[in-house]
Amino acid sequence: MTIAHTVKQALEIRLALPERWWVDSTTAKLRGHLALLIHSEIWDVETPQSRELHKTARQLLSDEAQPSKTTPPGFAYEHMRALALATRTTAAVYQLRQVRHGRKPGALERDE
């Protein structure tokens, strides 16, 4: 629910750019959600689509891709939206894999 809520907020259609502090805060939340999802077991199925999604997610999470304080607001906003789209897709794949394995898709398990 938390992931879906954050993604929904990030992808809302807006007439004007949101405040930069909000974009930065939402970006940080999305990064956490996406990082958690890409470290789950959903990547055990090797398809061209899964490899591409995993590659895109890793690129978006890389330190080099992160907006800095000097990044123009529009670019920071677009990066946040790209993170939201990748997070939404990855969460959908995660949920499908959980259903296929007969698990409840509500909570992420971490292998520790």
PDB file of N, CA and C in Angstrom:
ATOM      1  N   MET A   1       0.826  -1.193   0.000  1.00  0.00           N
ATOM      2  CA  MET A   1       0.000   0.000   0.000  1.00  0.00           C
ATOM      3  C   MET A   1       0.871   1.258   0.000  1.00  0.00           C
ATOM      4  N   THR A   2       1.941   1.224   0.771  1.00  0.00           N
ATOM      5  CA  THR A   2       2.822   2.392   0.830  1.00  0.00           C
ATOM      6  C   THR A   2       3.448   2.663  -0.521  1.00  0.00           C
ATOM      7  N   ILE A   3       3.908   1.607  -1.186  1.00  0.00           N
ATOM      8  CA  ILE A   3       4.524   1.773  -2.500  1.00  0.00           C
ATOM      9  C   ILE A   3       3.500   2.325  -3.478  1.00  0.00           C
ATOM     10  N   ALA A   4       2.307   1.750  -3.504  1.00  0.00           N
ATOM     11  CA  ALA A   4       1.262   2.201  -4.426  1.00  0.00           C
ATOM     12  C   ALA A   4       0.899   3.667  -4.170  1.00  0.00           C
ATOM     13  N   HIS A   5       0.832   4.052  -2.912  1.00  0.00           N
ATOM     14  CA  HIS A   5       0.489   5.431  -2.560  1.00  0.00           C
ATOM     15  C   HIS A   5       1.571   6.406  -3.052  1.00  0.00           C
ATOM     16  N   THR A   6       2.819   6.077  -2.806  1.00  0.00           N
ATOM     17  CA  THR A   6       3.916   6.951  -3.232  1.00  0.00           C
ATOM     18  C   THR A   6       3.947   7.072  -4.753  1.00  0.00           C
ATOM     19  N   VAL A   7       3.783   5.946  -5.449  1.00  0.00           N
ATOM     20  CA  VAL A   7       3.782   5.960  -6.916  1.00  0.00           C
ATOM     21  C   VAL A   7       2.621   6.805  -7.430  1.00  0.00           C
ATOM     22  N   LYS A   8       1.455   6.635  -6.856  1.00  0.00           N
ATOM     23  CA  LYS A   8       0.277   7.403  -7.285  1.00  0.00           C
ATOM     24  C   LYS A   8       0.525   8.901  -7.138  1.00  0.00           C
ATOM     25  N   GLN A   9       1.068   9.306  -6.014  1.00  0.00           N
ATOM     26  CA  GLN A   9       1.354  10.727  -5.797  1.00  0.00           C
ATOM     27  C   GLN A   9       2.364  11.247  -6.815  1.00  0.00           C
ATOM     28  N   ALA A  10       3.396  10.458  -7.080  1.00  0.00           N
ATOM     29  CA  ALA A  10       4.450  10.893  -8.001  1.00  0.00           C
ATOM     30  C   ALA A  10       3.949  11.023  -9.432  1.00  0.00           C
ATOM     31  N   LEU A  11       2.990  10.193  -9.809  1.00  0.00           N
ATOM     32  CA  LEU A  11       2.522  10.187 -11.193  1.00  0.00           C
ATOM     33  C   LEU A  11       1.263  11.016 -11.431  1.00  0.00           C
ATOM     34  N   GLU A  12       0.766  11.697 -10.399  1.00  0.00           N
ATOM     35  CA  GLU A  12      -0.407  12.553 -10.581  1.00  0.00           C
ATOM     36  C   GLU A  12      -0.132  13.605 -11.644  1.00  0.00           C
ATOM     37  N   ILE A  13      -1.158  13.893 -12.442  1.00  0.00           N
ATOM     38  CA  ILE A  13      -1.049  14.951 -13.434  1.00  0.00           C
ATOM     39  C   ILE A  13      -1.140  16.287 -12.699  1.00  0.00           C
ATOM     40  N   ARG A  14      -0.185  17.163 -12.975  1.00  0.00           N
ATOM     41  CA  ARG A  14      -0.120  18.455 -12.280  1.00  0.00           C
ATOM     42  C   ARG A  14      -0.074  19.588 -13.300  1.00  0.00           C
ATOM     43  N   LEU A  15      -0.617  20.717 -12.908  1.00  0.00           N
ATOM     44  CA  LEU A  15      -0.558  21.902 -13.762  1.00  0.00           C
ATOM     45  C   LEU A  15       0.771  22.630 -13.623  1.00  0.00           C
ATOM     46  N   ALA A  16       1.387  22.486 -12.477  1.00  0.00           N
ATOM     47  CA  ALA A  16       2.674  23.138 -12.225  1.00  0.00           C
ATOM     48  C   ALA A  16       3.579  22.146 -11.496  1.00  0.00           C
ATOM     49  N   LEU A  17       4.871  22.382 -11.593  1.00  0.00           N
ATOM     50  CA  LEU A  17       5.816  21.521 -10.874  1.00  0.00           C
ATOM     51  C   LEU A  17       5.593  21.661  -9.372  1.00  0.00           C
ATOM     52  N   PRO A  18       5.651  20.546  -8.663  1.00  0.00           N
ATOM     53  CA  PRO A  18       5.560  20.634  -7.198  1.00  0.00           C
ATOM     54  C   PRO A  18       6.834  21.273  -6.629  1.00  0.00           C
ATOM     55  N   GLU A  19       6.764  21.643  -5.384  1.00  0.00           N
ATOM     56  CA  GLU A  19       7.925  22.220  -4.711  1.00  0.00           C
ATOM     57  C   GLU A  19       9.089  21.242  -4.762  1.00  0.00           C
ATOM     58  N   ARG A  20      10.292  21.770  -4.865  1.00  0.00           N
ATOM     59  CA  ARG A  20      11.479  20.926  -4.996  1.00  0.00           C
ATOM     60  C   ARG A  20      11.670  20.022  -3.779  1.00  0.00           C
ATOM     61  N   TRP A  21      11.375  20.513  -2.579  1.00  0.00           N
ATOM     62  CA  TRP A  21      11.528  19.687  -1.387  1.00  0.00           C
ATOM     63  C   TRP A  21      10.637  18.452  -1.490  1.00  0.00           C
ATOM     64  N   TRP A  22       9.429  18.612  -2.065  1.00  0.00           N
ATOM     65  CA  TRP A  22       8.512  17.488  -2.203  1.00  0.00           C
ATOM     66  C   TRP A  22       9.047  16.476  -3.223  1.00  0.00           C
ATOM     67  N   VAL A  23       9.569  16.985  -4.339  1.00  0.00           N
ATOM     68  CA  VAL A  23      10.155  16.116  -5.358  1.00  0.00           C
ATOM     69  C   VAL A  23      11.309  15.323  -4.754  1.00  0.00           C
ATOM     70  N   ASP A  24      12.187  15.999  -4.026  1.00  0.00           N
ATOM     71  CA  ASP A  24      13.334  15.322  -3.410  1.00  0.00           C
ATOM     72  C   ASP A  24      12.889  14.277  -2.386  1.00  0.00           C
ATOM     73  N   SER A  25      11.898  14.608  -1.592  1.00  0.00           N
ATOM     74  CA  SER A  25      11.382  13.678  -0.582  1.00  0.00           C
ATOM     75  C   SER A  25      10.733  12.458  -1.246  1.00  0.00           C
ATOM     76  N   THR A  26       9.941  12.694  -2.257  1.00  0.00           N
ATOM     77  CA  THR A  26       9.274  11.596  -2.965  1.00  0.00           C
ATOM     78  C   THR A  26      10.294  10.740  -3.696  1.00  0.00           C
ATOM     79  N   THR A  27      11.315  11.369  -4.269  1.00  0.00           N
ATOM     80  CA  THR A  27      12.388  10.626  -4.931  1.00  0.00           C
ATOM     81  C   THR A  27      13.077   9.689  -3.942  1.00  0.00           C
ATOM     82  N   ALA A  28      13.348  10.174  -2.752  1.00  0.00           N
ATOM     83  CA  ALA A  28      14.001   9.343  -1.725  1.00  0.00           C
ATOM     84  C   ALA A  28      13.114   8.148  -1.357  1.00  0.00           C
ATOM     85  N   LYS A  29      11.813   8.375  -1.206  1.00  0.00           N
ATOM     86  CA  LYS A  29      10.895   7.276  -0.890  1.00  0.00           C
ATOM     87  C   LYS A  29      10.881   6.249  -2.020  1.00  0.00           C
ATOM     88  N   LEU A  30      10.777   6.737  -3.256  1.00  0.00           N
ATOM     89  CA  LEU A  30      10.734   5.835  -4.406  1.00  0.00           C
ATOM     90  C   LEU A  30      12.023   5.031  -4.535  1.00  0.00           C
ATOM     91  N   ARG A  31      13.137   5.670  -4.274  1.00  0.00           N
ATOM     92  CA  ARG A  31      14.425   4.952  -4.312  1.00  0.00           C
ATOM     93  C   ARG A  31      14.431   3.803  -3.315  1.00  0.00           C
ATOM     94  N   GLY A  32      13.927   4.061  -2.118  1.00  0.00           N
ATOM     95  CA  GLY A  32      13.856   3.012  -1.104  1.00  0.00           C
ATOM     96  C   GLY A  32      12.944   1.870  -1.525  1.00  0.00           C
ATOM     97  N   HIS A  33      11.778   2.219  -2.063  1.00  0.00           N
ATOM     98  CA  HIS A  33      10.838   1.194  -2.513  1.00  0.00           C
ATOM     99  C   HIS A  33      11.451   0.350  -3.635  1.00  0.00           C
ATOM    100  N   LEU A  34      12.024   1.014  -4.630  1.00  0.00           N
ATOM    101  CA  LEU A  34      12.581   0.303  -5.778  1.00  0.00           C
ATOM    102  C   LEU A  34      13.774  -0.556  -5.369  1.00  0.00           C
ATOM    103  N   ALA A  35      14.615  -0.036  -4.498  1.00  0.00           N
ATOM    104  CA  ALA A  35      15.771  -0.817  -4.026  1.00  0.00           C
ATOM    105  C   ALA A  35      15.304  -2.083  -3.307  1.00  0.00           C
ATOM    106  N   LEU A  36      14.283  -1.968  -2.499  1.00  0.00           N
ATOM    107  CA  LEU A  36      13.738  -3.130  -1.799  1.00  0.00           C
ATOM    108  C   LEU A  36      13.195  -4.150  -2.796  1.00  0.00           C
ATOM    109  N   LEU A  37      12.466  -3.679  -3.787  1.00  0.00           N
ATOM    110  CA  LEU A  37      11.870  -4.580  -4.773  1.00  0.00           C
ATOM    111  C   LEU A  37      12.914  -5.280  -5.636  1.00  0.00           C
ATOM    112  N   ILE A  38      13.956  -4.576  -6.050  1.00  0.00           N
ATOM    113  CA  ILE A  38      14.908  -5.230  -6.954  1.00  0.00           C
ATOM    114  C   ILE A  38      15.820  -6.202  -6.222  1.00  0.00           C
ATOM    115  N   HIS A  39      15.797  -6.181  -4.910  1.00  0.00           N
ATOM    116  CA  HIS A  39      16.586  -7.162  -4.159  1.00  0.00           C
ATOM    117  C   HIS A  39      15.739  -8.362  -3.741  1.00  0.00           C
ATOM    118  N   SER A  40      14.513  -8.443  -4.257  1.00  0.00           N
ATOM    119  CA  SER A  40      13.663  -9.596  -3.952  1.00  0.00           C
ATOM    120  C   SER A  40      13.948 -10.718  -4.946  1.00  0.00           C
ATOM    121  N   GLU A  41      13.227 -11.802  -4.797  1.00  0.00           N
ATOM    122  CA  GLU A  41      13.491 -12.982  -5.621  1.00  0.00           C
ATOM    123  C   GLU A  41      12.822 -12.952  -6.988  1.00  0.00           C
ATOM    124  N   ILE A  42      12.220 -11.859  -7.395  1.00  0.00           N
ATOM    125  CA  ILE A  42      11.498 -11.845  -8.673  1.00  0.00           C
ATOM    126  C   ILE A  42      12.418 -11.968  -9.876  1.00  0.00           C
ATOM    127  N   TRP A  43      13.698 -11.811  -9.687  1.00  0.00           N
ATOM    128  CA  TRP A  43      14.611 -11.823 -10.833  1.00  0.00           C
ATOM    129  C   TRP A  43      15.100 -13.219 -11.175  1.00  0.00           C
ATOM    130  N   ASP A  44      14.483 -14.241 -10.585  1.00  0.00           N
ATOM    131  CA  ASP A  44      14.904 -15.597 -10.902  1.00  0.00           C
ATOM    132  C   ASP A  44      14.388 -16.074 -12.259  1.00  0.00           C
ATOM    133  N   VAL A  45      13.497 -15.337 -12.876  1.00  0.00           N
ATOM    134  CA  VAL A  45      12.997 -15.669 -14.205  1.00  0.00           C
ATOM    135  C   VAL A  45      13.726 -14.779 -15.200  1.00  0.00           C
ATOM    136  N   GLU A  46      14.502 -15.408 -16.049  1.00  0.00           N
ATOM    137  CA  GLU A  46      15.291 -14.660 -17.025  1.00  0.00           C
ATOM    138  C   GLU A  46      14.522 -14.514 -18.333  1.00  0.00           C
ATOM    139  N   THR A  47      14.042 -13.330 -18.573  1.00  0.00           N
ATOM    140  CA  THR A  47      13.427 -12.990 -19.849  1.00  0.00           C
ATOM    141  C   THR A  47      14.053 -11.679 -20.297  1.00  0.00           C
ATOM    142  N   PRO A  48      13.955 -11.361 -21.577  1.00  0.00           N
ATOM    143  CA  PRO A  48      14.486 -10.058 -22.018  1.00  0.00           C
ATOM    144  C   PRO A  48      13.823  -8.893 -21.282  1.00  0.00           C
ATOM    145  N   GLN A  49      12.530  -9.013 -21.006  1.00  0.00           N
ATOM    146  CA  GLN A  49      11.815  -7.939 -20.314  1.00  0.00           C
ATOM    147  C   GLN A  49      12.291  -7.789 -18.871  1.00  0.00           C
ATOM    148  N   SER A  50      12.507  -8.912 -18.195  1.00  0.00           N
ATOM    149  CA  SER A  50      12.953  -8.811 -16.801  1.00  0.00           C
ATOM    150  C   SER A  50      14.370  -8.260 -16.730  1.00  0.00           C
ATOM    151  N   ARG A  51      15.220  -8.659 -17.656  1.00  0.00           N
ATOM    152  CA  ARG A  51      16.589  -8.117 -17.679  1.00  0.00           C
ATOM    153  C   ARG A  51      16.572  -6.611 -17.940  1.00  0.00           C
ATOM    154  N   GLU A  52      15.719  -6.172 -18.862  1.00  0.00           N
ATOM    155  CA  GLU A  52      15.634  -4.745 -19.177  1.00  0.00           C
ATOM    156  C   GLU A  52      15.085  -3.947 -17.996  1.00  0.00           C
ATOM    157  N   LEU A  53      14.059  -4.468 -17.343  1.00  0.00           N
ATOM    158  CA  LEU A  53      13.496  -3.788 -16.173  1.00  0.00           C
ATOM    159  C   LEU A  53      14.532  -3.691 -15.057  1.00  0.00           C
ATOM    160  N   HIS A  54      15.252  -4.770 -14.819  1.00  0.00           N
ATOM    161  CA  HIS A  54      16.275  -4.773 -13.780  1.00  0.00           C
ATOM    162  C   HIS A  54      17.383  -3.773 -14.118  1.00  0.00           C
ATOM    163  N   LYS A  55      17.797  -3.734 -15.368  1.00  0.00           N
ATOM    164  CA  LYS A  55      18.828  -2.789 -15.809  1.00  0.00           C
ATOM    165  C   LYS A  55      18.362  -1.345 -15.633  1.00  0.00           C
ATOM    166  N   THR A  56      17.131  -1.072 -16.038  1.00  0.00           N
ATOM    167  CA  THR A  56      16.573   0.280 -15.893  1.00  0.00           C
ATOM    168  C   THR A  56      16.514   0.682 -14.426  1.00  0.00           C
ATOM    169  N   ALA A  57      16.050  -0.222 -13.584  1.00  0.00           N
ATOM    170  CA  ALA A  57      15.953   0.071 -12.153  1.00  0.00           C
ATOM    171  C   ALA A  57      17.326   0.382 -11.568  1.00  0.00           C
ATOM    172  N   ARG A  58      18.312  -0.434 -11.900  1.00  0.00           N
ATOM    173  CA  ARG A  58      19.676  -0.197 -11.396  1.00  0.00           C
ATOM    174  C   ARG A  58      20.232   1.140 -11.885  1.00  0.00           C
ATOM    175  N   GLN A  59      19.960   1.483 -13.129  1.00  0.00           N
ATOM    176  CA  GLN A  59      20.436   2.776 -13.655  1.00  0.00           C
ATOM    177  C   GLN A  59      19.785   3.934 -12.910  1.00  0.00           C
ATOM    178  N   LEU A  60      18.482   3.845 -12.675  1.00  0.00           N
ATOM    179  CA  LEU A  60      17.780   4.910 -11.960  1.00  0.00           C
ATOM    180  C   LEU A  60      18.245   5.045 -10.518  1.00  0.00           C
ATOM    181  N   LEU A  61      18.680   3.944  -9.930  1.00  0.00           N
ATOM    182  CA  LEU A  61      19.144   3.967  -8.537  1.00  0.00           C
ATOM    183  C   LEU A  61      20.619   4.327  -8.389  1.00  0.00           C
ATOM    184  N   SER A  62      21.355   4.351  -9.491  1.00  0.00           N
ATOM    185  CA  SER A  62      22.788   4.643  -9.399  1.00  0.00           C
ATOM    186  C   SER A  62      23.025   6.058  -8.871  1.00  0.00           C
ATOM    187  N   ASP A  63      24.130   6.225  -8.191  1.00  0.00           N
ATOM    188  CA  ASP A  63      24.472   7.540  -7.640  1.00  0.00           C
ATOM    189  C   ASP A  63      24.612   8.593  -8.733  1.00  0.00           C
ATOM    190  N   GLU A  64      25.116   8.186  -9.889  1.00  0.00           N
ATOM    191  CA  GLU A  64      25.315   9.130 -10.993  1.00  0.00           C
ATOM    192  C   GLU A  64      23.992   9.677 -11.532  1.00  0.00           C
ATOM    193  N   ALA A  65      22.917   8.923 -11.401  1.00  0.00           N
ATOM    194  CA  ALA A  65      21.622   9.336 -11.937  1.00  0.00           C
ATOM    195  C   ALA A  65      20.867  10.281 -11.011  1.00  0.00           C
ATOM    196  N   GLN A  66      21.313  10.391  -9.767  1.00  0.00           N
ATOM    197  CA  GLN A  66      20.556  11.167  -8.783  1.00  0.00           C
ATOM    198  C   GLN A  66      20.686  12.662  -9.008  1.00  0.00           C
ATOM    199  N   PRO A  67      19.554  13.367  -8.963  1.00  0.00           N
ATOM    200  CA  PRO A  67      19.597  14.823  -9.081  1.00  0.00           C
ATOM    201  C   PRO A  67      20.353  15.431  -7.896  1.00  0.00           C
ATOM    202  N   SER A  68      21.074  16.491  -8.170  1.00  0.00           N
ATOM    203  CA  SER A  68      21.760  17.219  -7.102  1.00  0.00           C
ATOM    204  C   SER A  68      20.965  18.483  -6.798  1.00  0.00           C
ATOM    205  N   LYS A  69      21.443  19.239  -5.843  1.00  0.00           N
ATOM    206  CA  LYS A  69      20.771  20.502  -5.489  1.00  0.00           C
ATOM    207  C   LYS A  69      20.774  21.486  -6.660  1.00  0.00           C
ATOM    208  N   THR A  70      21.745  21.332  -7.565  1.00  0.00           N
ATOM    209  CA  THR A  70      21.831  22.257  -8.704  1.00  0.00           C
ATOM    210  C   THR A  70      21.092  21.750  -9.945  1.00  0.00           C
ATOM    211  N   THR A  71      20.548  20.545  -9.877  1.00  0.00           N
ATOM    212  CA  THR A  71      19.776  20.012 -11.002  1.00  0.00           C
ATOM    213  C   THR A  71      18.526  20.866 -11.174  1.00  0.00           C
ATOM    214  N   PRO A  72      18.230  21.287 -12.392  1.00  0.00           N
ATOM    215  CA  PRO A  72      17.007  22.070 -12.608  1.00  0.00           C
ATOM    216  C   PRO A  72      15.767  21.304 -12.131  1.00  0.00           C
ATOM    217  N   PRO A  73      14.791  22.015 -11.579  1.00  0.00           N
ATOM    218  CA  PRO A  73      13.598  21.368 -11.020  1.00  0.00           C
ATOM    219  C   PRO A  73      12.881  20.444 -12.004  1.00  0.00           C
ATOM    220  N   GLY A  74      12.810  20.821 -13.256  1.00  0.00           N
ATOM    221  CA  GLY A  74      12.130  19.991 -14.247  1.00  0.00           C
ATOM    222  C   GLY A  74      12.806  18.648 -14.446  1.00  0.00           C
ATOM    223  N   PHE A  75      14.133  18.635 -14.442  1.00  0.00           N
ATOM    224  CA  PHE A  75      14.875  17.383 -14.590  1.00  0.00           C
ATOM    225  C   PHE A  75      14.716  16.502 -13.346  1.00  0.00           C
ATOM    226  N   ALA A  76      14.731  17.129 -12.179  1.00  0.00           N
ATOM    227  CA  ALA A  76      14.540  16.371 -10.936  1.00  0.00           C
ATOM    228  C   ALA A  76      13.140  15.756 -10.916  1.00  0.00           C
ATOM    229  N   TYR A  77      12.155  16.504 -11.386  1.00  0.00           N
ATOM    230  CA  TYR A  77      10.774  16.020 -11.437  1.00  0.00           C
ATOM    231  C   TYR A  77      10.651  14.838 -12.399  1.00  0.00           C
ATOM    232  N   GLU A  78      11.265  14.951 -13.562  1.00  0.00           N
ATOM    233  CA  GLU A  78      11.211  13.858 -14.543  1.00  0.00           C
ATOM    234  C   GLU A  78      11.928  12.614 -14.035  1.00  0.00           C
ATOM    235  N   HIS A  79      13.017  12.797 -13.305  1.00  0.00           N
ATOM    236  CA  HIS A  79      13.715  11.649 -12.709  1.00  0.00           C
ATOM    237  C   HIS A  79      12.804  10.961 -11.692  1.00  0.00           C
ATOM    238  N   MET A  80      12.109  11.746 -10.880  1.00  0.00           N
ATOM    239  CA  MET A  80      11.184  11.196  -9.897  1.00  0.00           C
ATOM    240  C   MET A  80      10.101  10.381 -10.597  1.00  0.00           C
ATOM    241  N   ARG A  81       9.561  10.905 -11.685  1.00  0.00           N
ATOM    242  CA  ARG A  81       8.509  10.194 -12.426  1.00  0.00           C
ATOM    243  C   ARG A  81       9.051   8.908 -13.052  1.00  0.00           C
ATOM    244  N   ALA A  82      10.274   8.934 -13.546  1.00  0.00           N
ATOM    245  CA  ALA A  82      10.880   7.716 -14.106  1.00  0.00           C
ATOM    246  C   ALA A  82      11.039   6.661 -13.012  1.00  0.00           C
ATOM    247  N   LEU A  83      11.456   7.089 -11.826  1.00  0.00           N
ATOM    248  CA  LEU A  83      11.543   6.170 -10.689  1.00  0.00           C
ATOM    249  C   LEU A  83      10.171   5.590 -10.354  1.00  0.00           C
ATOM    250  N   ALA A  84       9.145   6.432 -10.386  1.00  0.00           N
ATOM    251  CA  ALA A  84       7.787   5.981 -10.071  1.00  0.00           C
ATOM    252  C   ALA A  84       7.313   4.938 -11.079  1.00  0.00           C
ATOM    253  N   LEU A  85       7.579   5.157 -12.354  1.00  0.00           N
ATOM    254  CA  LEU A  85       7.171   4.194 -13.375  1.00  0.00           C
ATOM    255  C   LEU A  85       7.899   2.860 -13.212  1.00  0.00           C
ATOM    256  N   ALA A  86       9.191   2.919 -12.972  1.00  0.00           N
ATOM    257  CA  ALA A  86       9.959   1.686 -12.766  1.00  0.00           C
ATOM    258  C   ALA A  86       9.504   0.967 -11.501  1.00  0.00           C
ATOM    259  N   THR A  87       9.195   1.724 -10.461  1.00  0.00           N
ATOM    260  CA  THR A  87       8.729   1.131  -9.209  1.00  0.00           C
ATOM    261  C   THR A  87       7.378   0.468  -9.403  1.00  0.00           C
ATOM    262  N   ARG A  88       6.478   1.141 -10.120  1.00  0.00           N
ATOM    263  CA  ARG A  88       5.150   0.570 -10.370  1.00  0.00           C
ATOM    264  C   ARG A  88       5.256  -0.751 -11.142  1.00  0.00           C
ATOM    265  N   THR A  89       6.077  -0.758 -12.187  1.00  0.00           N
ATOM    266  CA  THR A  89       6.235  -1.968 -12.987  1.00  0.00           C
ATOM    267  C   THR A  89       6.870  -3.088 -12.174  1.00  0.00           C
ATOM    268  N   THR A  90       7.902  -2.763 -11.417  1.00  0.00           N
ATOM    269  CA  THR A  90       8.586  -3.765 -10.604  1.00  0.00           C
ATOM    270  C   THR A  90       7.661  -4.305  -9.522  1.00  0.00           C
ATOM    271  N   ALA A  91       6.858  -3.451  -8.921  1.00  0.00           N
ATOM    272  CA  ALA A  91       5.902  -3.905  -7.899  1.00  0.00           C
ATOM    273  C   ALA A  91       4.858  -4.837  -8.514  1.00  0.00           C
ATOM    274  N   ALA A  92       4.425  -4.543  -9.725  1.00  0.00           N
ATOM    275  CA  ALA A  92       3.454  -5.423 -10.397  1.00  0.00           C
ATOM    276  C   ALA A  92       4.064  -6.797 -10.660  1.00  0.00           C
ATOM    277  N   VAL A  93       5.316  -6.822 -11.115  1.00  0.00           N
ATOM    278  CA  VAL A  93       6.007  -8.097 -11.334  1.00  0.00           C
ATOM    279  C   VAL A  93       6.139  -8.841 -10.016  1.00  0.00           C
ATOM    280  N   TYR A  94       6.501  -8.144  -8.966  1.00  0.00           N
ATOM    281  CA  TYR A  94       6.637  -8.753  -7.643  1.00  0.00           C
ATOM    282  C   TYR A  94       5.316  -9.392  -7.209  1.00  0.00           C
ATOM    283  N   GLN A  95       4.220  -8.655  -7.363  1.00  0.00           N
ATOM    284  CA  GLN A  95       2.915  -9.183  -6.956  1.00  0.00           C
ATOM    285  C   GLN A  95       2.550 -10.427  -7.760  1.00  0.00           C
ATOM    286  N   LEU A  96       2.787 -10.412  -9.058  1.00  0.00           N
ATOM    287  CA  LEU A  96       2.499 -11.582  -9.885  1.00  0.00           C
ATOM    288  C   LEU A  96       3.314 -12.789  -9.447  1.00  0.00           C
ATOM    289  N   ARG A  97       4.579 -12.575  -9.138  1.00  0.00           N
ATOM    290  CA  ARG A  97       5.434 -13.676  -8.687  1.00  0.00           C
ATOM    291  C   ARG A  97       4.961 -14.229  -7.348  1.00  0.00           C
ATOM    292  N   GLN A  98       4.491 -13.348  -6.463  1.00  0.00           N
ATOM    293  CA  GLN A  98       3.998 -13.797  -5.163  1.00  0.00           C
ATOM    294  C   GLN A  98       2.757 -14.666  -5.337  1.00  0.00           C
ATOM    295  N   VAL A  99       1.854 -14.255  -6.217  1.00  0.00           N
ATOM    296  CA  VAL A  99       0.638 -15.020  -6.465  1.00  0.00           C
ATOM    297  C   VAL A  99       0.988 -16.375  -7.066  1.00  0.00           C
ATOM    298  N   ARG A 100       1.928 -16.398  -8.004  1.00  0.00           N
ATOM    299  CA  ARG A 100       2.347 -17.659  -8.632  1.00  0.00           C
ATOM    300  C   ARG A 100       2.947 -18.627  -7.620  1.00  0.00           C
ATOM    301  N   HIS A 101       3.612 -18.092  -6.617  1.00  0.00           N
ATOM    302  CA  HIS A 101       4.239 -18.940  -5.600  1.00  0.00           C
ATOM    303  C   HIS A 101       3.293 -19.211  -4.431  1.00  0.00           C
ATOM    304  N   GLY A 102       2.034 -18.772  -4.563  1.00  0.00           N
ATOM    305  CA  GLY A 102       1.042 -19.040  -3.533  1.00  0.00           C
ATOM    306  C   GLY A 102       1.237 -18.247  -2.268  1.00  0.00           C
ATOM    307  N   ARG A 103       1.916 -17.100  -2.376  1.00  0.00           N
ATOM    308  CA  ARG A 103       2.147 -16.255  -1.193  1.00  0.00           C
ATOM    309  C   ARG A 103       1.202 -15.067  -1.227  1.00  0.00           C
ATOM    310  N   LYS A 104       1.014 -14.492  -0.081  1.00  0.00           N
ATOM    311  CA  LYS A 104       0.220 -13.280   0.021  1.00  0.00           C
ATOM    312  C   LYS A 104       1.079 -12.115  -0.470  1.00  0.00           C
ATOM    313  N   PRO A 105       0.622 -11.342  -1.468  1.00  0.00           N
ATOM    314  CA  PRO A 105       1.473 -10.297  -2.050  1.00  0.00           C
ATOM    315  C   PRO A 105       1.566  -9.022  -1.233  1.00  0.00           C
ATOM    316  N   GLY A 106       1.082  -8.990  -0.027  1.00  0.00           N
ATOM    317  CA  GLY A 106       1.042  -7.759   0.738  1.00  0.00           C
ATOM    318  C   GLY A 106       2.353  -7.297   1.322  1.00  0.00           C
ATOM    319  N   ALA A 107       3.206  -8.194   1.725  1.00  0.00           N
ATOM    320  CA  ALA A 107       4.423  -7.788   2.431  1.00  0.00           C
ATOM    321  C   ALA A 107       5.661  -8.342   1.732  1.00  0.00           C
ATOM    322  N   LEU A 108       6.697  -7.565   1.750  1.00  0.00           N
ATOM    323  CA  LEU A 108       7.972  -8.011   1.174  1.00  0.00           C
ATOM    324  C   LEU A 108       8.760  -8.751   2.236  1.00  0.00           C
ATOM    325  N   GLU A 109       9.253  -9.909   1.843  1.00  0.00           N
ATOM    326  CA  GLU A 109      10.129 -10.655   2.745  1.00  0.00           C
ATOM    327  C   GLU A 109      11.555 -10.341   2.347  1.00  0.00           C
ATOM    328  N   ARG A 110      12.418 -10.222   3.309  1.00  0.00           N
ATOM    329  CA  ARG A 110      13.823  -9.974   3.034  1.00  0.00           C
ATOM    330  C   ARG A 110      14.619 -11.182   3.471  1.00  0.00           C
ATOM    331  N   ASP A 111      15.522 -11.606   2.602  1.00  0.00           N
ATOM    332  CA  ASP A 111      16.412 -12.706   2.953  1.00  0.00           C
ATOM    333  C   ASP A 111      17.582 -12.137   3.744  1.00  0.00           C
ATOM    334  N   GLU A 112      17.644 -12.485   5.001  1.00  0.00           N
ATOM    335  CA  GLU A 112      18.739 -11.980   5.828  1.00  0.00           C
ATOM    336  C   GLU A 112      19.330 -13.096   6.607  1.00  0.00           C
TER     337      GLU A 112
END
